[in-house]
Amino acid sequence: MTLIFIFTPSTIRASLPGVDAVLVCHCRAKSDHEIRRAVRNGAVTLHEVSRACGAASGCGGCAEAVHEIIASELGAFEPRSVDLDLNATH
C-alpha cells in the first residue's frame, strides 16, 4: 500500500486555526511537536530524527513532511540537489 500525503504540517496549521499538534508519522504516532523537539535536541537529518523519536522509521510516507519540519526548525529549506560548475574560475 502506498500513502500519498497532499499536505504538510504548515499547510494544515494555516487551514485549521487552533490546531495545536499535527500527527505526521502515522506508523509511530509522532506529532510535529515531537519531531521539532528531536531537531532542537540536535537531530538534523532524517536518520537522526528517526533514531531520536521514531518518526519516518515505518513506511516512510511521512519522510517529506519530516524533511520540511527539520528544514523549518533549522531556519532554511535545503535544496535537494546542487549544480556545481567545478570548471568555473572565480
Protein backbone atom coordinates (compact mmCIF):
# COMPACT_ATOMS: atom_id res chain seq x y z
CA MET A 1 0.00 0.00 0.00
CA THR A 2 1.28 3.48 -0.86
CA LEU A 3 0.28 6.51 1.16
CA ILE A 4 0.38 9.86 -0.60
CA PHE A 5 0.27 12.96 1.54
CA ILE A 6 -1.06 16.11 -0.09
CA PHE A 7 -0.50 18.22 2.99
CA THR A 8 2.32 19.40 5.16
CA PRO A 9 2.17 20.38 8.82
CA SER A 10 2.42 24.06 7.90
CA THR A 11 -0.48 23.89 5.42
CA ILE A 12 -2.66 22.11 7.97
CA ARG A 13 -1.97 24.76 10.58
CA ALA A 14 -2.70 27.52 8.06
CA SER A 15 -6.03 25.97 7.09
CA LEU A 16 -7.14 24.90 10.58
CA PRO A 17 -6.65 27.68 13.12
CA GLY A 18 -6.40 26.35 16.63
CA VAL A 19 -4.74 23.07 15.67
CA ASP A 20 -2.04 22.53 18.26
CA ALA A 21 -0.18 19.45 17.04
CA VAL A 22 -0.28 17.62 13.74
CA LEU A 23 0.14 13.86 13.52
CA VAL A 24 2.93 13.47 10.98
CA CYS A 25 4.03 9.85 11.35
CA HIS A 26 1.03 7.56 11.48
CA CYS A 27 3.11 4.37 11.83
CA ARG A 28 4.77 5.57 15.03
CA ALA A 29 2.11 8.11 16.12
CA LYS A 30 4.57 11.02 16.14
CA SER A 31 3.45 14.63 16.02
CA ASP A 32 5.25 17.61 14.58
CA HIS A 33 5.98 18.71 18.16
CA GLU A 34 7.94 15.52 18.85
CA ILE A 35 9.87 15.90 15.60
CA ARG A 36 10.64 19.56 16.36
CA ARG A 37 11.84 18.57 19.84
CA ALA A 38 14.21 16.00 18.32
CA VAL A 39 15.65 18.67 15.99
CA ARG A 40 16.02 21.16 18.85
CA ASN A 41 17.90 18.45 20.74
CA GLY A 42 20.42 18.08 17.92
CA ALA A 43 18.93 15.76 15.27
CA VAL A 44 19.49 17.43 11.90
CA THR A 45 18.95 14.63 9.37
CA LEU A 46 16.05 12.32 8.65
CA HIS A 47 18.06 9.41 10.02
CA GLU A 48 18.89 11.27 13.25
CA VAL A 49 15.27 12.33 13.75
CA SER A 50 14.16 8.77 13.11
CA ARG A 51 16.58 7.45 15.73
CA ALA A 52 15.65 10.18 18.21
CA CYS A 53 11.87 9.91 18.12
CA GLY A 54 10.92 7.14 15.69
CA ALA A 55 9.31 9.34 13.04
CA ALA A 56 9.80 8.09 9.45
CA SER A 57 11.02 4.70 10.66
CA GLY A 58 7.97 2.80 9.44
CA CYS A 59 6.61 3.01 5.90
CA GLY A 60 8.43 6.23 5.03
CA GLY A 61 5.31 8.00 3.82
CA CYS A 62 5.96 10.92 6.14
CA ALA A 63 9.60 11.46 5.16
CA GLU A 64 8.87 14.55 3.05
CA ALA A 65 6.88 16.16 5.88
CA VAL A 66 9.66 15.30 8.35
CA HIS A 67 12.19 16.92 5.98
CA GLU A 68 10.03 20.07 5.92
CA ILE A 69 9.91 20.19 9.71
CA ILE A 70 13.66 19.70 10.00
CA ALA A 71 14.25 22.49 7.49
CA SER A 72 11.85 24.88 9.21
CA GLU A 73 13.47 24.21 12.58
CA LEU A 74 16.92 24.79 11.12
CA GLY A 75 15.69 28.04 9.62
CA ALA A 76 16.15 27.36 5.92
CA PHE A 77 14.97 24.98 3.26
CA GLU A 78 17.87 22.97 1.91
CA PRO A 79 17.96 22.33 -1.84
CA ARG A 80 17.50 18.72 -2.93
CA SER A 81 20.40 18.97 -5.36
CA VAL A 82 23.06 21.48 -6.18
CA ASP A 83 24.64 22.02 -9.57
CA LEU A 84 28.30 22.82 -9.18
CA ASP A 85 30.43 24.09 -12.00
CA LEU A 86 33.83 22.77 -10.98
CA ASN A 87 35.44 24.35 -14.04
CA ALA A 88 34.36 27.89 -13.16
CA THR A 89 37.05 30.36 -12.12
CA HIS A 90 36.36 32.97 -9.50
